[in-house]
PDB file of N, CA and C in Angstrom:
ATOM      1  N   MET A   1     143.079  83.868  67.914  1.00  0.00           N
ATOM      2  CA  MET A   1     142.000  83.583  66.769  1.00  0.00           C
ATOM      3  C   MET A   1     140.787  83.846  67.463  1.00  0.00           C
ATOM      4  N   SER A   2     139.782  84.587  66.775  1.00  0.00           N
ATOM      5  CA  SER A   2     138.638  84.786  67.310  1.00  0.00           C
ATOM      6  C   SER A   2     137.494  83.542  67.446  1.00  0.00           C
ATOM      7  N   LYS A   3     136.817  83.449  68.578  1.00  0.00           N
ATOM      8  CA  LYS A   3     135.792  82.357  68.665  1.00  0.00           C
ATOM      9  C   LYS A   3     134.518  82.798  68.245  1.00  0.00           C
ATOM     10  N   VAL A   4     134.122  83.703  67.420  1.00  0.00           N
ATOM     11  CA  VAL A   4     132.828  84.313  67.008  1.00  0.00           C
ATOM     12  C   VAL A   4     132.377  83.069  66.167  1.00  0.00           C
ATOM     13  N   LYS A   5     131.004  82.924  66.210  1.00  0.00           N
ATOM     14  CA  LYS A   5     130.229  81.761  65.570  1.00  0.00           C
ATOM     15  C   LYS A   5     128.998  82.484  64.891  1.00  0.00           C
ATOM     16  N   LEU A   6     128.968  82.175  63.551  1.00  0.00           N
ATOM     17  CA  LEU A   6     127.889  82.622  62.578  1.00  0.00           C
ATOM     18  C   LEU A   6     126.997  81.497  62.347  1.00  0.00           C
ATOM     19  N   PHE A   7     125.643  81.544  62.726  1.00  0.00           N
ATOM     20  CA  PHE A   7     124.761  80.408  62.513  1.00  0.00           C
ATOM     21  C   PHE A   7     123.853  80.807  61.354  1.00  0.00           C
ATOM     22  N   ARG A   8     123.476  80.170  60.459  1.00  0.00           N
ATOM     23  CA  ARG A   8     122.547  80.332  59.516  1.00  0.00           C
ATOM     24  C   ARG A   8     120.976  79.877  59.939  1.00  0.00           C
ATOM     25  N   GLY A   9     120.283  80.858  60.340  1.00  0.00           N
ATOM     26  CA  GLY A   9     118.943  80.301  60.725  1.00  0.00           C
ATOM     27  C   GLY A   9     118.153  79.566  59.920  1.00  0.00           C
ATOM     28  N   LEU A  10     118.298  79.959  58.561  1.00  0.00           N
ATOM     29  CA  LEU A  10     117.402  79.109  57.662  1.00  0.00           C
ATOM     30  C   LEU A  10     118.136  77.605  57.455  1.00  0.00           C
ATOM     31  N   LYS A  11     119.215  77.380  57.955  1.00  0.00           N
ATOM     32  CA  LYS A  11     119.757  76.048  57.880  1.00  0.00           C
ATOM     33  C   LYS A  11     119.339  75.272  59.114  1.00  0.00           C
ATOM     34  N   LEU A  12     118.610  75.680  59.989  1.00  0.00           N
ATOM     35  CA  LEU A  12     118.223  75.149  61.306  1.00  0.00           C
ATOM     36  C   LEU A  12     116.989  74.445  60.972  1.00  0.00           C
ATOM     37  N   ASP A  13     116.810  73.240  61.760  1.00  0.00           N
ATOM     38  CA  ASP A  13     115.507  72.517  61.685  1.00  0.00           C
ATOM     39  C   ASP A  13     114.564  73.286  62.755  1.00  0.00           C
ATOM     40  N   LEU A  14     113.594  73.911  62.311  1.00  0.00           N
ATOM     41  CA  LEU A  14     112.782  74.659  63.145  1.00  0.00           C
ATOM     42  C   LEU A  14     111.275  74.150  63.220  1.00  0.00           C
ATOM     43  N   LYS A  15     111.023  72.876  62.776  1.00  0.00           N
ATOM     44  CA  LYS A  15     109.627  72.543  62.738  1.00  0.00           C
ATOM     45  C   LYS A  15     109.330  72.054  64.122  1.00  0.00           C
ATOM     46  N   PRO A  16     108.068  72.498  64.571  1.00  0.00           N
ATOM     47  CA  PRO A  16     107.724  72.319  65.934  1.00  0.00           C
ATOM     48  C   PRO A  16     107.372  70.735  66.111  1.00  0.00           C
ATOM     49  N   GLY A  17     107.802  70.217  67.160  1.00  0.00           N
ATOM     50  CA  GLY A  17     107.571  68.907  67.535  1.00  0.00           C
ATOM     51  C   GLY A  17     105.984  68.544  67.836  1.00  0.00           C
ATOM     52  N   GLU A  18     105.855  67.379  68.537  1.00  0.00           N
ATOM     53  CA  GLU A  18     104.488  66.998  68.748  1.00  0.00           C
ATOM     54  C   GLU A  18     103.815  67.826  69.791  1.00  0.00           C
ATOM     55  N   ARG A  19     104.590  68.525  70.722  1.00  0.00           N
ATOM     56  CA  ARG A  19     104.070  69.347  71.765  1.00  0.00           C
ATOM     57  C   ARG A  19     103.736  70.766  71.182  1.00  0.00           C
ATOM     58  N   GLY A  20     104.169  71.056  69.843  1.00  0.00           N
ATOM     59  CA  GLY A  20     103.885  72.419  69.179  1.00  0.00           C
ATOM     60  C   GLY A  20     104.938  73.359  69.368  1.00  0.00           C
ATOM     61  N   ILE A  21     106.123  72.957  70.023  1.00  0.00           N
ATOM     62  CA  ILE A  21     107.305  73.890  70.209  1.00  0.00           C
ATOM     63  C   ILE A  21     108.557  73.082  69.789  1.00  0.00           C
ATOM     64  N   LYS A  22     109.503  73.859  69.158  1.00  0.00           N
ATOM     65  CA  LYS A  22     110.926  73.513  69.048  1.00  0.00           C
ATOM     66  C   LYS A  22     111.907  74.632  69.383  1.00  0.00           C
ATOM     67  N   THR A  23     112.845  74.259  70.086  1.00  0.00           N
ATOM     68  CA  THR A  23     113.928  75.190  70.418  1.00  0.00           C
ATOM     69  C   THR A  23     115.299  74.683  69.924  1.00  0.00           C
ATOM     70  N   VAL A  24     116.150  75.601  69.298  1.00  0.00           N
ATOM     71  CA  VAL A  24     117.493  75.204  68.785  1.00  0.00           C
ATOM     72  C   VAL A  24     118.355  76.149  69.424  1.00  0.00           C
ATOM     73  N   PRO A  25     119.105  75.669  70.617  1.00  0.00           N
ATOM     74  CA  PRO A  25     120.015  76.328  71.236  1.00  0.00           C
ATOM     75  C   PRO A  25     121.352  76.383  70.844  1.00  0.00           C
ATOM     76  N   VAL A  26     121.510  77.288  69.740  1.00  0.00           N
ATOM     77  CA  VAL A  26     122.785  77.400  69.139  1.00  0.00           C
ATOM     78  C   VAL A  26     124.018  77.781  70.144  1.00  0.00           C
ATOM     79  N   VAL A  27     123.573  78.870  71.131  1.00  0.00           N
ATOM     80  CA  VAL A  27     124.598  79.357  71.977  1.00  0.00           C
ATOM     81  C   VAL A  27     124.212  78.469  73.301  1.00  0.00           C
ATOM     82  N   ASN A  28     125.142  77.509  73.651  1.00  0.00           N
ATOM     83  CA  ASN A  28     124.718  76.674  74.830  1.00  0.00           C
ATOM     84  C   ASN A  28     125.834  76.499  75.601  1.00  0.00           C
ATOM     85  N   ALA A  29     125.775  75.558  76.614  1.00  0.00           N
ATOM     86  CA  ALA A  29     127.007  75.373  77.469  1.00  0.00           C
ATOM     87  C   ALA A  29     128.129  74.911  76.835  1.00  0.00           C
ATOM     88  N   GLY A  30     128.150  74.346  75.733  1.00  0.00           N
ATOM     89  CA  GLY A  30     129.234  73.958  74.978  1.00  0.00           C
ATOM     90  C   GLY A  30     129.960  75.119  74.418  1.00  0.00           C
ATOM     91  N   LEU A  31     129.303  76.370  74.392  1.00  0.00           N
ATOM     92  CA  LEU A  31     130.219  77.487  73.836  1.00  0.00           C
ATOM     93  C   LEU A  31     130.141  78.570  74.937  1.00  0.00           C
ATOM     94  N   SER A  32     129.381  78.706  75.874  1.00  0.00           N
ATOM     95  CA  SER A  32     129.506  79.878  76.771  1.00  0.00           C
ATOM     96  C   SER A  32     129.004  79.326  78.314  1.00  0.00           C
ATOM     97  N   LYS A  33     129.798  79.821  79.354  1.00  0.00           N
ATOM     98  CA  LYS A  33     129.807  79.297  80.686  1.00  0.00           C
ATOM     99  C   LYS A  33     128.580  80.274  81.389  1.00  0.00           C
ATOM    100  N   THR A  34     128.190  81.377  80.773  1.00  0.00           N
ATOM    101  CA  THR A  34     127.087  82.179  81.194  1.00  0.00           C
ATOM    102  C   THR A  34     125.790  82.393  80.660  1.00  0.00           C
ATOM    103  N   PHE A  35     125.834  82.398  79.226  1.00  0.00           N
ATOM    104  CA  PHE A  35     124.737  83.000  78.416  1.00  0.00           C
ATOM    105  C   PHE A  35     124.324  81.880  77.477  1.00  0.00           C
ATOM    106  N   GLY A  36     123.112  81.798  77.310  1.00  0.00           N
ATOM    107  CA  GLY A  36     122.434  80.894  76.208  1.00  0.00           C
ATOM    108  C   GLY A  36     121.536  81.673  75.220  1.00  0.00           C
ATOM    109  N   ALA A  37     121.479  81.075  74.011  1.00  0.00           N
ATOM    110  CA  ALA A  37     120.479  81.845  73.177  1.00  0.00           C
ATOM    111  C   ALA A  37     120.186  80.685  72.132  1.00  0.00           C
ATOM    112  N   GLY A  38     119.056  81.236  71.443  1.00  0.00           N
ATOM    113  CA  GLY A  38     118.618  80.172  70.221  1.00  0.00           C
ATOM    114  C   GLY A  38     117.547  80.859  69.634  1.00  0.00           C
ATOM    115  N   ILE A  39     116.899  80.007  68.772  1.00  0.00           N
ATOM    116  CA  ILE A  39     115.765  80.305  67.759  1.00  0.00           C
ATOM    117  C   ILE A  39     114.867  79.201  68.069  1.00  0.00           C
ATOM    118  N   GLY A  40     113.581  79.483  68.239  1.00  0.00           N
ATOM    119  CA  GLY A  40     112.370  78.587  68.393  1.00  0.00           C
ATOM    120  C   GLY A  40     111.212  78.677  67.638  1.00  0.00           C
ATOM    121  N   THR A  41     110.429  77.783  67.568  1.00  0.00           N
ATOM    122  CA  THR A  41     108.823  77.923  67.108  1.00  0.00           C
ATOM    123  C   THR A  41     108.051  77.342  67.823  1.00  0.00           C
ATOM    124  N   LEU A  42     106.695  78.117  67.596  1.00  0.00           N
ATOM    125  CA  LEU A  42     105.690  77.695  68.336  1.00  0.00           C
ATOM    126  C   LEU A  42     104.384  77.620  67.099  1.00  0.00           C
ATOM    127  N   GLN A  43     103.579  76.505  67.422  1.00  0.00           N
ATOM    128  CA  GLN A  43     102.583  76.288  66.503  1.00  0.00           C
ATOM    129  C   GLN A  43     101.549  75.325  67.093  1.00  0.00           C
ATOM    130  N   ASN A  44     100.236  75.617  67.233  1.00  0.00           N
ATOM    131  CA  ASN A  44      99.131  74.729  67.765  1.00  0.00           C
ATOM    132  C   ASN A  44      99.656  74.265  69.239  1.00  0.00           C
ATOM    133  N   CYS A  45      99.907  75.273  70.085  1.00  0.00           N
ATOM    134  CA  CYS A  45     100.220  74.756  71.458  1.00  0.00           C
ATOM    135  C   CYS A  45      99.807  75.548  72.681  1.00  0.00           C
ATOM    136  N   ASP A  46      99.716  74.799  73.831  1.00  0.00           N
ATOM    137  CA  ASP A  46      99.140  75.598  74.968  1.00  0.00           C
ATOM    138  C   ASP A  46      99.877  74.687  75.912  1.00  0.00           C
ATOM    139  N   LEU A  47     101.192  75.338  76.120  1.00  0.00           N
ATOM    140  CA  LEU A  47     102.400  74.487  76.992  1.00  0.00           C
ATOM    141  C   LEU A  47     102.647  75.343  78.254  1.00  0.00           C
ATOM    142  N   ALA A  48     102.287  74.657  79.387  1.00  0.00           N
ATOM    143  CA  ALA A  48     102.417  75.224  80.656  1.00  0.00           C
ATOM    144  C   ALA A  48     104.100  74.885  81.029  1.00  0.00           C
ATOM    145  N   TRP A  49     104.765  75.908  81.564  1.00  0.00           N
ATOM    146  CA  TRP A  49     106.179  75.795  81.766  1.00  0.00           C
ATOM    147  C   TRP A  49     106.457  76.879  83.129  1.00  0.00           C
ATOM    148  N   THR A  50     107.627  76.591  83.727  1.00  0.00           N
ATOM    149  CA  THR A  50     108.001  77.564  84.641  1.00  0.00           C
ATOM    150  C   THR A  50     109.521  77.707  84.289  1.00  0.00           C
ATOM    151  N   VAL A  51     109.886  78.973  83.923  1.00  0.00           N
ATOM    152  CA  VAL A  51     111.316  79.319  83.724  1.00  0.00           C
ATOM    153  C   VAL A  51     112.139  79.346  84.981  1.00  0.00           C
ATOM    154  N   THR A  52     113.323  78.610  84.862  1.00  0.00           N
ATOM    155  CA  THR A  52     114.088  78.567  86.158  1.00  0.00           C
ATOM    156  C   THR A  52     115.338  79.297  85.789  1.00  0.00           C
ATOM    157  N   TYR A  53     115.169  80.213  85.013  1.00  0.00           N
ATOM    158  CA  TYR A  53     116.227  81.222  84.615  1.00  0.00           C
ATOM    159  C   TYR A  53     115.696  82.477  84.070  1.00  0.00           C
ATOM    160  N   ASP A  54     116.477  83.508  83.983  1.00  0.00           N
ATOM    161  CA  ASP A  54     115.798  84.734  83.111  1.00  0.00           C
ATOM    162  C   ASP A  54     115.965  84.492  81.884  1.00  0.00           C
ATOM    163  N   GLU A  55     114.912  84.809  81.114  1.00  0.00           N
ATOM    164  CA  GLU A  55     114.698  84.721  79.704  1.00  0.00           C
ATOM    165  C   GLU A  55     114.165  86.080  79.164  1.00  0.00           C
ATOM    166  N   VAL A  56     114.703  86.196  77.781  1.00  0.00           N
ATOM    167  CA  VAL A  56     114.171  87.281  76.838  1.00  0.00           C
ATOM    168  C   VAL A  56     113.713  86.595  75.893  1.00  0.00           C
ATOM    169  N   LEU A  57     112.506  86.795  75.179  1.00  0.00           N
ATOM    170  CA  LEU A  57     111.937  86.135  74.078  1.00  0.00           C
ATOM    171  C   LEU A  57     111.600  87.412  73.000  1.00  0.00           C
ATOM    172  N   TYR A  58     111.960  87.366  71.869  1.00  0.00           N
ATOM    173  CA  TYR A  58     111.657  88.274  70.834  1.00  0.00           C
ATOM    174  C   TYR A  58     111.108  87.525  69.696  1.00  0.00           C
ATOM    175  N   VAL A  59     109.791  88.079  69.305  1.00  0.00           N
ATOM    176  CA  VAL A  59     109.087  87.388  68.361  1.00  0.00           C
ATOM    177  C   VAL A  59     109.512  87.958  66.751  1.00  0.00           C
ATOM    178  N   MET A  60     110.095  87.201  66.036  1.00  0.00           N
ATOM    179  CA  MET A  60     110.485  87.430  64.778  1.00  0.00           C
ATOM    180  C   MET A  60     109.402  87.281  63.518  1.00  0.00           C
ATOM    181  N   SER A  61     108.552  86.329  63.693  1.00  0.00           N
ATOM    182  CA  SER A  61     107.310  86.343  62.629  1.00  0.00           C
ATOM    183  C   SER A  61     106.190  85.380  63.429  1.00  0.00           C
ATOM    184  N   GLY A  62     105.025  85.693  62.858  1.00  0.00           N
ATOM    185  CA  GLY A  62     103.969  85.145  63.354  1.00  0.00           C
ATOM    186  C   GLY A  62     103.479  85.729  64.800  1.00  0.00           C
ATOM    187  N   THR A  63     102.518  85.087  65.420  1.00  0.00           N
ATOM    188  CA  THR A  63     101.930  85.577  66.755  1.00  0.00           C
ATOM    189  C   THR A  63     101.972  84.471  67.777  1.00  0.00           C
ATOM    190  N   CYS A  64     102.117  84.815  68.994  1.00  0.00           N
ATOM    191  CA  CYS A  64     101.922  83.943  70.170  1.00  0.00           C
ATOM    192  C   CYS A  64     101.507  84.591  71.114  1.00  0.00           C
ATOM    193  N   ALA A  65     101.246  84.030  72.491  1.00  0.00           N
ATOM    194  CA  ALA A  65     100.867  84.616  73.730  1.00  0.00           C
ATOM    195  C   ALA A  65     101.545  83.847  74.689  1.00  0.00           C
ATOM    196  N   ILE A  66     101.852  84.722  75.813  1.00  0.00           N
ATOM    197  CA  ILE A  66     102.426  84.252  77.046  1.00  0.00           C
ATOM    198  C   ILE A  66     101.416  84.602  78.073  1.00  0.00           C
ATOM    199  N   LYS A  67     100.789  83.670  78.792  1.00  0.00           N
ATOM    200  CA  LYS A  67      99.948  83.903  79.807  1.00  0.00           C
ATOM    201  C   LYS A  67     100.566  83.562  81.168  1.00  0.00           C
ATOM    202  N   VAL A  68     100.394  84.535  82.013  1.00  0.00           N
ATOM    203  CA  VAL A  68     100.932  84.555  83.345  1.00  0.00           C
ATOM    204  C   VAL A  68      99.993  84.870  84.286  1.00  0.00           C
ATOM    205  N   GLY A  69      99.555  83.554  85.182  1.00  0.00           N
ATOM    206  CA  GLY A  69      98.424  83.975  85.998  1.00  0.00           C
ATOM    207  C   GLY A  69      96.977  84.234  85.215  1.00  0.00           C
ATOM    208  N   ASP A  70      96.458  85.484  85.630  1.00  0.00           N
ATOM    209  CA  ASP A  70      95.217  85.920  84.775  1.00  0.00           C
ATOM    210  C   ASP A  70      95.571  87.021  84.011  1.00  0.00           C
ATOM    211  N   LYS A  71      96.802  87.003  83.508  1.00  0.00           N
ATOM    212  CA  LYS A  71      97.279  88.031  82.451  1.00  0.00           C
ATOM    213  C   LYS A  71      97.741  87.229  81.249  1.00  0.00           C
ATOM    214  N   ARG A  72      97.444  87.940  80.068  1.00  0.00           N
ATOM    215  CA  ARG A  72      97.869  87.367  78.694  1.00  0.00           C
ATOM    216  C   ARG A  72      98.576  88.157  78.082  1.00  0.00           C
ATOM    217  N   TYR A  73      99.862  87.836  77.658  1.00  0.00           N
ATOM    218  CA  TYR A  73     100.598  88.947  76.839  1.00  0.00           C
ATOM    219  C   TYR A  73     100.608  88.548  75.298  1.00  0.00           C
ATOM    220  N   ARG A  74      99.992  89.050  74.378  1.00  0.00           N
ATOM    221  CA  ARG A  74      99.840  88.772  73.144  1.00  0.00           C
ATOM    222  C   ARG A  74     101.076  89.420  72.180  1.00  0.00           C
ATOM    223  N   MET A  75     101.881  88.569  71.503  1.00  0.00           N
ATOM    224  CA  MET A  75     103.057  89.190  70.985  1.00  0.00           C
ATOM    225  C   MET A  75     102.993  88.918  69.475  1.00  0.00           C
ATOM    226  N   GLU A  76     103.540  89.967  68.743  1.00  0.00           N
ATOM    227  CA  GLU A  76     103.613  90.079  67.324  1.00  0.00           C
ATOM    228  C   GLU A  76     105.180  90.280  66.904  1.00  0.00           C
ATOM    229  N   PRO A  77     105.338  90.162  65.698  1.00  0.00           N
ATOM    230  CA  PRO A  77     106.831  90.417  65.186  1.00  0.00           C
ATOM    231  C   PRO A  77     107.133  91.769  65.769  1.00  0.00           C
ATOM    232  N   GLY A  78     108.690  91.570  66.193  1.00  0.00           N
ATOM    233  CA  GLY A  78     109.096  92.892  66.919  1.00  0.00           C
ATOM    234  C   GLY A  78     108.926  93.111  68.464  1.00  0.00           C
ATOM    235  N   ASP A  79     108.002  92.469  68.995  1.00  0.00           N
ATOM    236  CA  ASP A  79     107.730  92.277  70.400  1.00  0.00           C
ATOM    237  C   ASP A  79     108.781  91.543  71.034  1.00  0.00           C
ATOM    238  N   LEU A  80     109.175  92.085  72.215  1.00  0.00           N
ATOM    239  CA  LEU A  80     110.033  91.392  73.066  1.00  0.00           C
ATOM    240  C   LEU A  80     109.477  91.372  74.644  1.00  0.00           C
ATOM    241  N   ILE A  81     109.860  90.092  75.242  1.00  0.00           N
ATOM    242  CA  ILE A  81     109.256  90.023  76.669  1.00  0.00           C
ATOM    243  C   ILE A  81     110.487  89.472  77.535  1.00  0.00           C
ATOM    244  N   TRP A  82     110.491  90.040  78.638  1.00  0.00           N
ATOM    245  CA  TRP A  82     111.339  89.569  79.708  1.00  0.00           C
ATOM    246  C   TRP A  82     110.546  88.817  80.599  1.00  0.00           C
ATOM    247  N   LEU A  83     111.143  87.428  80.905  1.00  0.00           N
ATOM    248  CA  LEU A  83     110.459  86.485  81.860  1.00  0.00           C
ATOM    249  C   LEU A  83     111.401  86.367  82.968  1.00  0.00           C
ATOM    250  N   PRO A  84     111.126  86.773  84.044  1.00  0.00           N
ATOM    251  CA  PRO A  84     112.139  86.572  85.195  1.00  0.00           C
ATOM    252  C   PRO A  84     112.093  85.268  85.641  1.00  0.00           C
ATOM    253  N   LYS A  85     113.266  84.777  86.385  1.00  0.00           N
ATOM    254  CA  LYS A  85     113.462  83.454  86.946  1.00  0.00           C
ATOM    255  C   LYS A  85     112.173  83.168  87.775  1.00  0.00           C
ATOM    256  N   ASP A  86     111.671  81.985  87.758  1.00  0.00           N
ATOM    257  CA  ASP A  86     110.565  81.403  88.483  1.00  0.00           C
ATOM    258  C   ASP A  86     109.239  81.828  87.998  1.00  0.00           C
ATOM    259  N   THR A  87     109.163  82.507  87.002  1.00  0.00           N
ATOM    260  CA  THR A  87     107.765  82.690  86.375  1.00  0.00           C
ATOM    261  C   THR A  87     107.113  81.584  85.863  1.00  0.00           C
ATOM    262  N   SER A  88     105.988  81.230  86.272  1.00  0.00           N
ATOM    263  CA  SER A  88     105.034  80.205  85.860  1.00  0.00           C
ATOM    264  C   SER A  88     104.181  80.656  84.730  1.00  0.00           C
ATOM    265  N   LEU A  89     104.248  80.093  83.608  1.00  0.00           N
ATOM    266  CA  LEU A  89     103.604  80.716  82.509  1.00  0.00           C
ATOM    267  C   LEU A  89     102.976  79.571  81.602  1.00  0.00           C
ATOM    268  N   VAL A  90     102.133  79.946  80.462  1.00  0.00           N
ATOM    269  CA  VAL A  90     101.785  79.097  79.489  1.00  0.00           C
ATOM    270  C   VAL A  90     102.124  79.818  78.093  1.00  0.00           C
ATOM    271  N   TYR A  91     102.782  78.981  77.360  1.00  0.00           N
ATOM    272  CA  TYR A  91     103.177  79.492  75.873  1.00  0.00           C
ATOM    273  C   TYR A  91     101.857  78.859  75.203  1.00  0.00           C
ATOM    274  N   GLU A  92     101.273  80.202  74.230  1.00  0.00           N
ATOM    275  CA  GLU A  92     100.070  79.558  73.428  1.00  0.00           C
ATOM    276  C   GLU A  92     100.499  80.106  72.013  1.00  0.00           C
ATOM    277  N   ALA A  93     100.053  79.231  71.162  1.00  0.00           N
ATOM    278  CA  ALA A  93      99.990  79.602  69.752  1.00  0.00           C
ATOM    279  C   ALA A  93      98.883  78.753  69.042  1.00  0.00           C
ATOM    280  N   GLY A  94      98.544  79.459  67.809  1.00  0.00           N
ATOM    281  CA  GLY A  94      97.579  78.998  67.038  1.00  0.00           C
ATOM    282  C   GLY A  94      98.169  78.311  66.062  1.00  0.00           C
ATOM    283  N   PRO A  95      97.497  78.132  64.792  1.00  0.00           N
ATOM    284  CA  PRO A  95      97.881  77.282  63.649  1.00  0.00           C
ATOM    285  C   PRO A  95      98.919  78.134  62.815  1.00  0.00           C
ATOM    286  N   GLU A  96      99.131  79.470  63.068  1.00  0.00           N
ATOM    287  CA  GLU A  96     100.202  80.007  62.348  1.00  0.00           C
ATOM    288  C   GLU A  96     101.616  79.829  62.986  1.00  0.00           C
ATOM    289  N   LEU A  97     102.641  79.667  62.445  1.00  0.00           N
ATOM    290  CA  LEU A  97     103.904  79.277  62.867  1.00  0.00           C
ATOM    291  C   LEU A  97     104.452  80.610  63.475  1.00  0.00           C
ATOM    292  N   CYS A  98     104.921  80.674  64.631  1.00  0.00           N
ATOM    293  CA  CYS A  98     105.453  81.760  65.288  1.00  0.00           C
ATOM    294  C   CYS A  98     106.944  81.365  65.430  1.00  0.00           C
ATOM    295  N   THR A  99     107.827  82.247  64.922  1.00  0.00           N
ATOM    296  CA  THR A  99     109.357  81.928  65.263  1.00  0.00           C
ATOM    297  C   THR A  99     109.864  83.129  66.016  1.00  0.00           C
ATOM    298  N   PHE A 100     110.663  82.695  67.000  1.00  0.00           N
ATOM    299  CA  PHE A 100     111.089  83.529  67.988  1.00  0.00           C
ATOM    300  C   PHE A 100     112.669  83.501  68.190  1.00  0.00           C
ATOM    301  N   PHE A 101     113.291  84.374  68.840  1.00  0.00           N
ATOM    302  CA  PHE A 101     114.654  84.339  69.348  1.00  0.00           C
ATOM    303  C   PHE A 101     114.520  84.254  70.794  1.00  0.00           C
ATOM    304  N   TYR A 102     115.404  83.626  71.580  1.00  0.00           N
ATOM    305  CA  TYR A 102     115.414  83.721  72.926  1.00  0.00           C
ATOM    306  C   TYR A 102     116.931  83.570  73.538  1.00  0.00           C
ATOM    307  N   ALA A 103     117.014  84.269  74.649  1.00  0.00           N
ATOM    308  CA  ALA A 103     118.418  84.525  75.359  1.00  0.00           C
ATOM    309  C   ALA A 103     117.967  84.230  76.821  1.00  0.00           C
ATOM    310  N   VAL A 104     118.852  83.430  77.429  1.00  0.00           N
ATOM    311  CA  VAL A 104     118.582  83.027  78.847  1.00  0.00           C
ATOM    312  C   VAL A 104     119.898  83.292  79.540  1.00  0.00           C
ATOM    313  N   ALA A 105     119.731  83.419  80.902  1.00  0.00           N
ATOM    314  CA  ALA A 105     121.003  83.420  81.656  1.00  0.00           C
ATOM    315  C   ALA A 105     120.414  82.887  83.120  1.00  0.00           C
ATOM    316  N   PRO A 106     121.054  81.934  83.815  1.00  0.00           N
ATOM    317  CA  PRO A 106     122.399  81.301  83.305  1.00  0.00           C
ATOM    318  C   PRO A 106     122.234  80.239  82.117  1.00  0.00           C
ATOM    319  N   VAL A 107     123.202  80.053  81.503  1.00  0.00           N
ATOM    320  CA  VAL A 107     123.014  79.041  80.395  1.00  0.00           C
ATOM    321  C   VAL A 107     122.821  77.813  80.974  1.00  0.00           C
ATOM    322  N   THR A 108     123.060  77.240  82.169  1.00  0.00           N
ATOM    323  CA  THR A 108     122.872  75.967  82.656  1.00  0.00           C
ATOM    324  C   THR A 108     121.440  75.949  83.284  1.00  0.00           C
ATOM    325  N   GLY A 109     120.686  77.106  83.293  1.00  0.00           N
ATOM    326  CA  GLY A 109     119.479  77.053  83.992  1.00  0.00           C
ATOM    327  C   GLY A 109     118.334  76.521  83.138  1.00  0.00           C
ATOM    328  N   SER A 110     118.523  76.567  81.715  1.00  0.00           N
ATOM    329  CA  SER A 110     117.677  76.105  80.815  1.00  0.00           C
ATOM    330  C   SER A 110     117.881  74.753  80.257  1.00  0.00           C
ATOM    331  N   PRO A 111     116.839  73.950  80.189  1.00  0.00           N
ATOM    332  CA  PRO A 111     117.141  72.517  79.640  1.00  0.00           C
ATOM    333  C   PRO A 111     117.561  72.611  78.264  1.00  0.00           C
ATOM    334  N   SER A 112     117.369  73.539  77.404  1.00  0.00           N
ATOM    335  CA  SER A 112     117.840  73.509  75.946  1.00  0.00           C
ATOM    336  C   SER A 112     119.205  74.066  76.100  1.00  0.00           C
ATOM    337  N   THR A 113     119.577  75.175  76.722  1.00  0.00           N
ATOM    338  CA  THR A 113     120.959  75.757  76.623  1.00  0.00           C
ATOM    339  C   THR A 113     121.794  75.026  77.649  1.00  0.00           C
ATOM    340  N   SER A 114     121.462  74.249  78.442  1.00  0.00           N
ATOM    341  CA  SER A 114     122.483  73.351  79.402  1.00  0.00           C
ATOM    342  C   SER A 114     123.068  72.216  78.670  1.00  0.00           C
ATOM    343  N   LYS A 115     122.604  71.893  77.314  1.00  0.00           N
ATOM    344  CA  LYS A 115     123.073  71.027  76.487  1.00  0.00           C
ATOM    345  C   LYS A 115     124.586  71.531  75.947  1.00  0.00           C
ATOM    346  N   THR A 116     125.245  70.629  75.389  1.00  0.00           N
ATOM    347  CA  THR A 116     126.541  71.064  74.636  1.00  0.00           C
ATOM    348  C   THR A 116     126.501  70.410  73.333  1.00  0.00           C
ATOM    349  N   ASP A 117     125.507  70.670  72.619  1.00  0.00           N
ATOM    350  CA  ASP A 117     125.101  70.248  71.172  1.00  0.00           C
ATOM    351  C   ASP A 117     126.054  71.187  70.374  1.00  0.00           C
ATOM    352  N   ALA A 118     126.456  70.888  69.248  1.00  0.00           N
ATOM    353  CA  ALA A 118     127.013  71.746  68.306  1.00  0.00           C
ATOM    354  C   ALA A 118     126.297  71.874  67.031  1.00  0.00           C
ATOM    355  N   TYR A 119     126.129  73.145  66.415  1.00  0.00           N
ATOM    356  CA  TYR A 119     125.102  73.435  65.382  1.00  0.00           C
ATOM    357  C   TYR A 119     126.325  74.042  64.343  1.00  0.00           C
ATOM    358  N   PRO A 120     125.971  73.659  63.086  1.00  0.00           N
ATOM    359  CA  PRO A 120     126.847  74.024  61.919  1.00  0.00           C
ATOM    360  C   PRO A 120     126.897  75.783  62.071  1.00  0.00           C
ATOM    361  N   THR A 121     128.207  76.025  61.636  1.00  0.00           N
ATOM    362  CA  THR A 121     128.414  77.425  61.677  1.00  0.00           C
ATOM    363  C   THR A 121     129.095  77.636  60.135  1.00  0.00           C
ATOM    364  N   VAL A 122     129.039  78.986  59.862  1.00  0.00           N
ATOM    365  CA  VAL A 122     129.495  79.577  58.685  1.00  0.00           C
ATOM    366  C   VAL A 122     130.889  80.137  58.941  1.00  0.00           C
ATOM    367  N   GLU A 123     131.863  79.884  57.950  1.00  0.00           N
ATOM    368  CA  GLU A 123     133.153  80.495  57.871  1.00  0.00           C
ATOM    369  C   GLU A 123     132.904  82.054  57.717  1.00  0.00           C
ATOM    370  N   PRO A 124     133.907  82.747  58.366  1.00  0.00           N
ATOM    371  CA  PRO A 124     133.819  84.203  58.100  1.00  0.00           C
ATOM    372  C   PRO A 124     134.499  84.631  56.780  1.00  0.00           C
ATOM    373  N   GLU A 125     134.193  85.486  56.133  1.00  0.00           N
ATOM    374  CA  GLU A 125     134.809  86.200  54.975  1.00  0.00           C
ATOM    375  C   GLU A 125     135.936  86.909  55.322  1.00  0.00           C
ATOM    376  N   LYS A 126     136.847  87.170  54.348  1.00  0.00           N
ATOM    377  CA  LYS A 126     138.076  88.024  54.652  1.00  0.00           C
ATOM    378  C   LYS A 126     137.517  89.407  54.728  1.00  0.00           C
ATOM    379  N   ALA A 127     137.942  90.264  55.755  1.00  0.00           N
ATOM    380  CA  ALA A 127     137.682  91.561  55.640  1.00  0.00           C
ATOM    381  C   ALA A 127     138.321  92.550  54.698  1.00  0.00           C
ATOM    382  N   LEU A 128     137.577  93.323  54.042  1.00  0.00           N
ATOM    383  CA  LEU A 128     138.028  94.306  53.004  1.00  0.00           C
ATOM    384  C   LEU A 128     138.849  95.465  53.879  1.00  0.00           C
ATOM    385  N   VAL A 129     140.020  95.699  53.390  1.00  0.00           N
ATOM    386  CA  VAL A 129     140.834  96.668  53.759  1.00  0.00           C
ATOM    387  C   VAL A 129     140.833  97.946  52.962  1.00  0.00           C
TER     388      VAL A 129
END
């Protein structure tokens, strides 16, 4: 039997927390031993962070910026950024909600994806023959 999982993004709680960020690691250490992924939001934040894993971040809606040293990478919908392990950065977002997809490796390198939380999935439909 297939272990494929379908997650409905619109069913996830993506309201940013008090620090202005929210991540929902739907693919985490509970599902994969190597790879993590999820959906997140940024809003009204200026959050310093160091990634202890390789990360790819893809902006789905809104805008945000990633500041690395004296460089600032402004991101819009459709933009994708790779953040190598040990990159110190600042996530920046204004009042507009920014929604993004992220993927990390290894799965246990990230505080969000190293968890083993389960998220609601959707049952597959029967394939048409």
